[in-house]
Amino acid sequence: MLTKLFGPSPMPTILGYLGGGLLDARVLIETHGQPETIGAWLTLAIGVVWMAQGRWTKQVNMSNAPNPVAEHMVKSTP
């Protein structure tokens, strides 16, 4: 269940949800739940994109392979 919610890389997902959610919450609180200006709507859109980007970002040194292969040198053929 948590893997479906947070994906294979939970830290970027949590930070993306938190950052985008706080940005959207700030806009909705300031506008009393009804954004009317273009700037407020754009900020809401940026918050949603921020959350999506956090969800799709892959953590460094993470593998989605069930049995990752150790690093090895590959020789190129001429």
PDB file of N, CA and C in Angstrom:
ATOM      1  N   MET A   1       0.821  -1.202   0.000  1.00  0.00           N
ATOM      2  CA  MET A   1       0.000   0.000   0.000  1.00  0.00           C
ATOM      3  C   MET A   1       0.861   1.261   0.000  1.00  0.00           C
ATOM      4  N   LEU A   2       1.871   1.302   0.877  1.00  0.00           N
ATOM      5  CA  LEU A   2       2.731   2.481   0.930  1.00  0.00           C
ATOM      6  C   LEU A   2       3.552   2.630  -0.337  1.00  0.00           C
ATOM      7  N   THR A   3       3.930   1.513  -0.966  1.00  0.00           N
ATOM      8  CA  THR A   3       4.687   1.596  -2.208  1.00  0.00           C
ATOM      9  C   THR A   3       3.843   2.215  -3.317  1.00  0.00           C
ATOM     10  N   LYS A   4       2.553   1.927  -3.341  1.00  0.00           N
ATOM     11  CA  LYS A   4       1.683   2.548  -4.346  1.00  0.00           C
ATOM     12  C   LYS A   4       1.529   4.044  -4.085  1.00  0.00           C
ATOM     13  N   LEU A   5       1.494   4.428  -2.836  1.00  0.00           N
ATOM     14  CA  LEU A   5       1.318   5.840  -2.488  1.00  0.00           C
ATOM     15  C   LEU A   5       2.599   6.635  -2.684  1.00  0.00           C
ATOM     16  N   PHE A   6       3.727   6.091  -2.233  1.00  0.00           N
ATOM     17  CA  PHE A   6       4.991   6.830  -2.264  1.00  0.00           C
ATOM     18  C   PHE A   6       5.952   6.374  -3.352  1.00  0.00           C
ATOM     19  N   GLY A   7       5.685   5.240  -4.012  1.00  0.00           N
ATOM     20  CA  GLY A   7       6.559   4.772  -5.072  1.00  0.00           C
ATOM     21  C   GLY A   7       7.839   4.166  -4.538  1.00  0.00           C
ATOM     22  N   PRO A   8       8.749   3.800  -5.444  1.00  0.00           N
ATOM     23  CA  PRO A   8       9.987   3.161  -5.022  1.00  0.00           C
ATOM     24  C   PRO A   8      10.972   4.126  -4.371  1.00  0.00           C
ATOM     25  N   SER A   9      10.802   5.428  -4.564  1.00  0.00           N
ATOM     26  CA  SER A   9      11.680   6.442  -3.969  1.00  0.00           C
ATOM     27  C   SER A   9      10.843   7.353  -3.073  1.00  0.00           C
ATOM     28  N   PRO A  10      10.701   7.008  -1.798  1.00  0.00           N
ATOM     29  CA  PRO A  10       9.756   7.757  -0.959  1.00  0.00           C
ATOM     30  C   PRO A  10      10.187   9.175  -0.590  1.00  0.00           C
ATOM     31  N   MET A  11      11.481   9.446  -0.439  1.00  0.00           N
ATOM     32  CA  MET A  11      11.892  10.787   0.013  1.00  0.00           C
ATOM     33  C   MET A  11      11.513  11.889  -0.972  1.00  0.00           C
ATOM     34  N   PRO A  12      11.840  11.783  -2.270  1.00  0.00           N
ATOM     35  CA  PRO A  12      11.407  12.849  -3.187  1.00  0.00           C
ATOM     36  C   PRO A  12       9.895  12.980  -3.251  1.00  0.00           C
ATOM     37  N   THR A  13       9.184  11.861  -3.129  1.00  0.00           N
ATOM     38  CA  THR A  13       7.730  11.901  -3.169  1.00  0.00           C
ATOM     39  C   THR A  13       7.181  12.672  -1.972  1.00  0.00           C
ATOM     40  N   ILE A  14       7.693  12.355  -0.791  1.00  0.00           N
ATOM     41  CA  ILE A  14       7.218  13.044   0.422  1.00  0.00           C
ATOM     42  C   ILE A  14       7.539  14.531   0.349  1.00  0.00           C
ATOM     43  N   LEU A  15       8.765  14.871  -0.084  1.00  0.00           N
ATOM     44  CA  LEU A  15       9.141  16.285  -0.191  1.00  0.00           C
ATOM     45  C   LEU A  15       8.312  17.004  -1.251  1.00  0.00           C
ATOM     46  N   GLY A  16       8.016  16.318  -2.364  1.00  0.00           N
ATOM     47  CA  GLY A  16       7.181  16.929  -3.401  1.00  0.00           C
ATOM     48  C   GLY A  16       5.764  17.153  -2.927  1.00  0.00           C
ATOM     49  N   TYR A  17       5.173  16.147  -2.278  1.00  0.00           N
ATOM     50  CA  TYR A  17       3.823  16.301  -1.733  1.00  0.00           C
ATOM     51  C   TYR A  17       3.783  17.426  -0.693  1.00  0.00           C
ATOM     52  N   LEU A  18       4.776  17.456   0.173  1.00  0.00           N
ATOM     53  CA  LEU A  18       4.810  18.462   1.237  1.00  0.00           C
ATOM     54  C   LEU A  18       4.984  19.868   0.666  1.00  0.00           C
ATOM     55  N   GLY A  19       5.964  20.036  -0.224  1.00  0.00           N
ATOM     56  CA  GLY A  19       6.221  21.362  -0.796  1.00  0.00           C
ATOM     57  C   GLY A  19       5.062  21.866  -1.636  1.00  0.00           C
ATOM     58  N   GLY A  20       4.572  21.022  -2.542  1.00  0.00           N
ATOM     59  CA  GLY A  20       3.448  21.437  -3.380  1.00  0.00           C
ATOM     60  C   GLY A  20       2.174  21.635  -2.583  1.00  0.00           C
ATOM     61  N   GLY A  21       1.945  20.773  -1.607  1.00  0.00           N
ATOM     62  CA  GLY A  21       0.752  20.908  -0.765  1.00  0.00           C
ATOM     63  C   GLY A  21       0.771  22.178   0.068  1.00  0.00           C
ATOM     64  N   LEU A  22       1.937  22.515   0.618  1.00  0.00           N
ATOM     65  CA  LEU A  22       2.046  23.753   1.397  1.00  0.00           C
ATOM     66  C   LEU A  22       1.858  24.985   0.515  1.00  0.00           C
ATOM     67  N   LEU A  23       2.409  24.927  -0.694  1.00  0.00           N
ATOM     68  CA  LEU A  23       2.230  26.052  -1.620  1.00  0.00           C
ATOM     69  C   LEU A  23       0.759  26.227  -1.982  1.00  0.00           C
ATOM     70  N   ASP A  24       0.084  25.128  -2.304  1.00  0.00           N
ATOM     71  CA  ASP A  24      -1.336  25.211  -2.634  1.00  0.00           C
ATOM     72  C   ASP A  24      -2.172  25.631  -1.424  1.00  0.00           C
ATOM     73  N   ALA A  25      -1.826  25.116  -0.250  1.00  0.00           N
ATOM     74  CA  ALA A  25      -2.565  25.492   0.963  1.00  0.00           C
ATOM     75  C   ALA A  25      -2.424  26.987   1.237  1.00  0.00           C
ATOM     76  N   ARG A  26      -1.217  27.519   1.033  1.00  0.00           N
ATOM     77  CA  ARG A  26      -1.008  28.952   1.262  1.00  0.00           C
ATOM     78  C   ARG A  26      -1.901  29.782   0.334  1.00  0.00           C
ATOM     79  N   VAL A  27      -1.944  29.404  -0.938  1.00  0.00           N
ATOM     80  CA  VAL A  27      -2.768  30.150  -1.894  1.00  0.00           C
ATOM     81  C   VAL A  27      -4.243  30.048  -1.526  1.00  0.00           C
ATOM     82  N   LEU A  28      -4.696  28.850  -1.180  1.00  0.00           N
ATOM     83  CA  LEU A  28      -6.110  28.682  -0.837  1.00  0.00           C
ATOM     84  C   LEU A  28      -6.481  29.410   0.454  1.00  0.00           C
ATOM     85  N   ILE A  29      -5.575  29.462   1.407  1.00  0.00           N
ATOM     86  CA  ILE A  29      -5.853  30.188   2.652  1.00  0.00           C
ATOM     87  C   ILE A  29      -5.913  31.689   2.388  1.00  0.00           C
ATOM     88  N   GLU A  30      -4.931  32.189   1.598  1.00  0.00           N
ATOM     89  CA  GLU A  30      -4.904  33.626   1.321  1.00  0.00           C
ATOM     90  C   GLU A  30      -6.112  34.090   0.511  1.00  0.00           C
ATOM     91  N   THR A  31      -6.622  33.222  -0.366  1.00  0.00           N
ATOM     92  CA  THR A  31      -7.749  33.626  -1.219  1.00  0.00           C
ATOM     93  C   THR A  31      -9.088  33.121  -0.687  1.00  0.00           C
ATOM     94  N   HIS A  32      -9.092  32.580   0.514  1.00  0.00           N
ATOM     95  CA  HIS A  32     -10.302  32.056   1.156  1.00  0.00           C
ATOM     96  C   HIS A  32     -10.967  30.975   0.308  1.00  0.00           C
ATOM     97  N   GLY A  33     -10.140  30.145  -0.320  1.00  0.00           N
ATOM     98  CA  GLY A  33     -10.647  29.004  -1.073  1.00  0.00           C
ATOM     99  C   GLY A  33     -11.132  29.307  -2.470  1.00  0.00           C
ATOM    100  N   GLN A  34     -11.034  30.564  -2.903  1.00  0.00           N
ATOM    101  CA  GLN A  34     -11.526  30.930  -4.230  1.00  0.00           C
ATOM    102  C   GLN A  34     -10.509  31.830  -4.927  1.00  0.00           C
ATOM    103  N   PRO A  35      -9.462  31.228  -5.559  1.00  0.00           N
ATOM    104  CA  PRO A  35      -8.497  32.070  -6.276  1.00  0.00           C
ATOM    105  C   PRO A  35      -9.158  32.777  -7.452  1.00  0.00           C
ATOM    106  N   GLU A  36      -8.891  34.078  -7.580  1.00  0.00           N
ATOM    107  CA  GLU A  36      -9.528  34.859  -8.639  1.00  0.00           C
ATOM    108  C   GLU A  36      -8.524  35.452  -9.612  1.00  0.00           C
ATOM    109  N   THR A  37      -7.276  35.601  -9.211  1.00  0.00           N
ATOM    110  CA  THR A  37      -6.292  36.216 -10.095  1.00  0.00           C
ATOM    111  C   THR A  37      -5.525  35.143 -10.867  1.00  0.00           C
ATOM    112  N   ILE A  38      -4.922  35.575 -11.962  1.00  0.00           N
ATOM    113  CA  ILE A  38      -4.101  34.666 -12.771  1.00  0.00           C
ATOM    114  C   ILE A  38      -2.917  34.174 -11.945  1.00  0.00           C
ATOM    115  N   GLY A  39      -2.341  35.057 -11.145  1.00  0.00           N
ATOM    116  CA  GLY A  39      -1.196  34.682 -10.315  1.00  0.00           C
ATOM    117  C   GLY A  39      -1.537  33.585  -9.315  1.00  0.00           C
ATOM    118  N   ALA A  40      -2.707  33.667  -8.724  1.00  0.00           N
ATOM    119  CA  ALA A  40      -3.126  32.645  -7.761  1.00  0.00           C
ATOM    120  C   ALA A  40      -3.345  31.309  -8.461  1.00  0.00           C
ATOM    121  N   TRP A  41      -3.957  31.333  -9.637  1.00  0.00           N
ATOM    122  CA  TRP A  41      -4.179  30.092 -10.381  1.00  0.00           C
ATOM    123  C   TRP A  41      -2.862  29.490 -10.852  1.00  0.00           C
ATOM    124  N   LEU A  42      -1.936  30.330 -11.288  1.00  0.00           N
ATOM    125  CA  LEU A  42      -0.621  29.835 -11.703  1.00  0.00           C
ATOM    126  C   LEU A  42       0.136  29.231 -10.527  1.00  0.00           C
ATOM    127  N   THR A  43       0.028  29.848  -9.363  1.00  0.00           N
ATOM    128  CA  THR A  43       0.688  29.301  -8.183  1.00  0.00           C
ATOM    129  C   THR A  43       0.085  27.952  -7.804  1.00  0.00           C
ATOM    130  N   LEU A  44      -1.220  27.805  -7.927  1.00  0.00           N
ATOM    131  CA  LEU A  44      -1.852  26.507  -7.693  1.00  0.00           C
ATOM    132  C   LEU A  44      -1.331  25.464  -8.681  1.00  0.00           C
ATOM    133  N   ALA A  45      -1.211  25.855  -9.945  1.00  0.00           N
ATOM    134  CA  ALA A  45      -0.704  24.931 -10.959  1.00  0.00           C
ATOM    135  C   ALA A  45       0.748  24.545 -10.670  1.00  0.00           C
ATOM    136  N   ILE A  46       1.555  25.497 -10.229  1.00  0.00           N
ATOM    137  CA  ILE A  46       2.951  25.204  -9.887  1.00  0.00           C
ATOM    138  C   ILE A  46       3.000  24.213  -8.730  1.00  0.00           C
ATOM    139  N   GLY A  47       2.126  24.369  -7.756  1.00  0.00           N
ATOM    140  CA  GLY A  47       2.075  23.433  -6.635  1.00  0.00           C
ATOM    141  C   GLY A  47       1.733  22.021  -7.083  1.00  0.00           C
ATOM    142  N   VAL A  48       0.799  21.902  -8.002  1.00  0.00           N
ATOM    143  CA  VAL A  48       0.414  20.579  -8.521  1.00  0.00           C
ATOM    144  C   VAL A  48       1.571  19.970  -9.308  1.00  0.00           C
ATOM    145  N   VAL A  49       2.235  20.770 -10.130  1.00  0.00           N
ATOM    146  CA  VAL A  49       3.387  20.272 -10.894  1.00  0.00           C
ATOM    147  C   VAL A  49       4.511  19.867  -9.948  1.00  0.00           C
ATOM    148  N   TRP A  50       4.704  20.630  -8.880  1.00  0.00           N
ATOM    149  CA  TRP A  50       5.737  20.321  -7.892  1.00  0.00           C
ATOM    150  C   TRP A  50       5.453  18.957  -7.243  1.00  0.00           C
ATOM    151  N   MET A  51       4.198  18.709  -6.904  1.00  0.00           N
ATOM    152  CA  MET A  51       3.833  17.412  -6.323  1.00  0.00           C
ATOM    153  C   MET A  51       4.058  16.277  -7.322  1.00  0.00           C
ATOM    154  N   ALA A  52       3.671  16.493  -8.575  1.00  0.00           N
ATOM    155  CA  ALA A  52       3.849  15.456  -9.595  1.00  0.00           C
ATOM    156  C   ALA A  52       5.332  15.196  -9.843  1.00  0.00           C
ATOM    157  N   GLN A  53       6.127  16.243  -9.879  1.00  0.00           N
ATOM    158  CA  GLN A  53       7.561  16.086 -10.100  1.00  0.00           C
ATOM    159  C   GLN A  53       8.195  15.320  -8.946  1.00  0.00           C
ATOM    160  N   GLY A  54       7.780  15.586  -7.729  1.00  0.00           N
ATOM    161  CA  GLY A  54       8.291  14.842  -6.590  1.00  0.00           C
ATOM    162  C   GLY A  54       7.918  13.375  -6.655  1.00  0.00           C
ATOM    163  N   ARG A  55       6.743  13.080  -7.167  1.00  0.00           N
ATOM    164  CA  ARG A  55       6.293  11.690  -7.278  1.00  0.00           C
ATOM    165  C   ARG A  55       7.081  10.923  -8.331  1.00  0.00           C
ATOM    166  N   TRP A  56       7.429  11.599  -9.431  1.00  0.00           N
ATOM    167  CA  TRP A  56       8.096  10.918 -10.537  1.00  0.00           C
ATOM    168  C   TRP A  56       9.617  10.949 -10.454  1.00  0.00           C
ATOM    169  N   THR A  57      10.166  11.716  -9.511  1.00  0.00           N
ATOM    170  CA  THR A  57      11.617  11.801  -9.384  1.00  0.00           C
ATOM    171  C   THR A  57      12.162  10.518  -8.784  1.00  0.00           C
ATOM    172  N   LYS A  58      13.292  10.071  -9.299  1.00  0.00           N
ATOM    173  CA  LYS A  58      13.934   8.858  -8.801  1.00  0.00           C
ATOM    174  C   LYS A  58      15.083   9.259  -7.883  1.00  0.00           C
ATOM    175  N   GLN A  59      15.189   8.593  -6.749  1.00  0.00           N
ATOM    176  CA  GLN A  59      16.297   8.839  -5.851  1.00  0.00           C
ATOM    177  C   GLN A  59      17.584   8.325  -6.455  1.00  0.00           C
ATOM    178  N   VAL A  60      18.694   8.961  -6.122  1.00  0.00           N
ATOM    179  CA  VAL A  60      20.004   8.526  -6.591  1.00  0.00           C
ATOM    180  C   VAL A  60      20.344   7.176  -5.960  1.00  0.00           C
ATOM    181  N   ASN A  61      20.987   6.316  -6.717  1.00  0.00           N
ATOM    182  CA  ASN A  61      21.423   4.996  -6.265  1.00  0.00           C
ATOM    183  C   ASN A  61      20.266   4.096  -5.860  1.00  0.00           C
ATOM    184  N   MET A  62      19.124   4.257  -6.502  1.00  0.00           N
ATOM    185  CA  MET A  62      17.985   3.375  -6.258  1.00  0.00           C
ATOM    186  C   MET A  62      17.752   2.572  -7.530  1.00  0.00           C
ATOM    187  N   SER A  63      17.418   1.328  -7.365  1.00  0.00           N
ATOM    188  CA  SER A  63      17.140   0.487  -8.521  1.00  0.00           C
ATOM    189  C   SER A  63      15.755  -0.110  -8.374  1.00  0.00           C
ATOM    190  N   ASN A  64      15.025  -0.143  -9.472  1.00  0.00           N
ATOM    191  CA  ASN A  64      13.710  -0.767  -9.456  1.00  0.00           C
ATOM    192  C   ASN A  64      13.790  -2.228  -9.880  1.00  0.00           C
ATOM    193  N   ALA A  65      15.000  -2.697 -10.161  1.00  0.00           N
ATOM    194  CA  ALA A  65      15.165  -4.080 -10.587  1.00  0.00           C
ATOM    195  C   ALA A  65      14.978  -5.014  -9.395  1.00  0.00           C
ATOM    196  N   PRO A  66      14.281  -6.151  -9.571  1.00  0.00           N
ATOM    197  CA  PRO A  66      14.093  -7.073  -8.454  1.00  0.00           C
ATOM    198  C   PRO A  66      15.413  -7.699  -7.994  1.00  0.00           C
ATOM    199  N   ASN A  67      16.340  -7.950  -8.932  1.00  0.00           N
ATOM    200  CA  ASN A  67      17.662  -8.500  -8.608  1.00  0.00           C
ATOM    201  C   ASN A  67      18.714  -7.677  -9.328  1.00  0.00           C
ATOM    202  N   PRO A  68      19.139  -6.535  -8.760  1.00  0.00           N
ATOM    203  CA  PRO A  68      20.091  -5.676  -9.450  1.00  0.00           C
ATOM    204  C   PRO A  68      21.430  -6.391  -9.674  1.00  0.00           C
ATOM    205  N   VAL A  69      22.015  -6.122 -10.815  1.00  0.00           N
ATOM    206  CA  VAL A  69      23.300  -6.695 -11.162  1.00  0.00           C
ATOM    207  C   VAL A  69      24.403  -5.761 -10.692  1.00  0.00           C
ATOM    208  N   ALA A  70      25.502  -6.325 -10.203  1.00  0.00           N
ATOM    209  CA  ALA A  70      26.617  -5.507  -9.750  1.00  0.00           C
ATOM    210  C   ALA A  70      27.229  -4.765 -10.935  1.00  0.00           C
ATOM    211  N   GLU A  71      27.859  -3.627 -10.653  1.00  0.00           N
ATOM    212  CA  GLU A  71      28.496  -2.854 -11.710  1.00  0.00           C
ATOM    213  C   GLU A  71      29.632  -3.638 -12.318  1.00  0.00           C
ATOM    214  N   HIS A  72      29.817  -3.477 -13.634  1.00  0.00           N
ATOM    215  CA  HIS A  72      30.916  -4.147 -14.304  1.00  0.00           C
ATOM    216  C   HIS A  72      31.301  -3.346 -15.544  1.00  0.00           C
ATOM    217  N   MET A  73      32.530  -3.532 -16.003  1.00  0.00           N
ATOM    218  CA  MET A  73      33.020  -2.830 -17.180  1.00  0.00           C
ATOM    219  C   MET A  73      32.504  -3.516 -18.429  1.00  0.00           C
ATOM    220  N   VAL A  74      32.164  -2.737 -19.413  1.00  0.00           N
ATOM    221  CA  VAL A  74      31.697  -3.259 -20.694  1.00  0.00           C
ATOM    222  C   VAL A  74      32.692  -2.836 -21.764  1.00  0.00           C
ATOM    223  N   LYS A  75      33.217  -3.799 -22.502  1.00  0.00           N
ATOM    224  CA  LYS A  75      34.170  -3.489 -23.564  1.00  0.00           C
ATOM    225  C   LYS A  75      33.392  -3.186 -24.841  1.00  0.00           C
ATOM    226  N   SER A  76      33.826  -2.135 -25.504  1.00  0.00           N
ATOM    227  CA  SER A  76      33.187  -1.820 -26.782  1.00  0.00           C
ATOM    228  C   SER A  76      33.896  -2.564 -27.902  1.00  0.00           C
ATOM    229  N   THR A  77      33.141  -2.993 -28.881  1.00  0.00           N
ATOM    230  CA  THR A  77      33.725  -3.695 -30.012  1.00  0.00           C
ATOM    231  C   THR A  77      33.842  -2.735 -31.182  1.00  0.00           C
ATOM    232  N   PRO A  78      34.954  -2.801 -31.915  1.00  0.00           N
ATOM    233  CA  PRO A  78      35.139  -1.855 -33.048  1.00  0.00           C
ATOM    234  C   PRO A  78      34.253  -2.158 -34.223  1.00  0.00           C
TER     235      PRO A  78
END
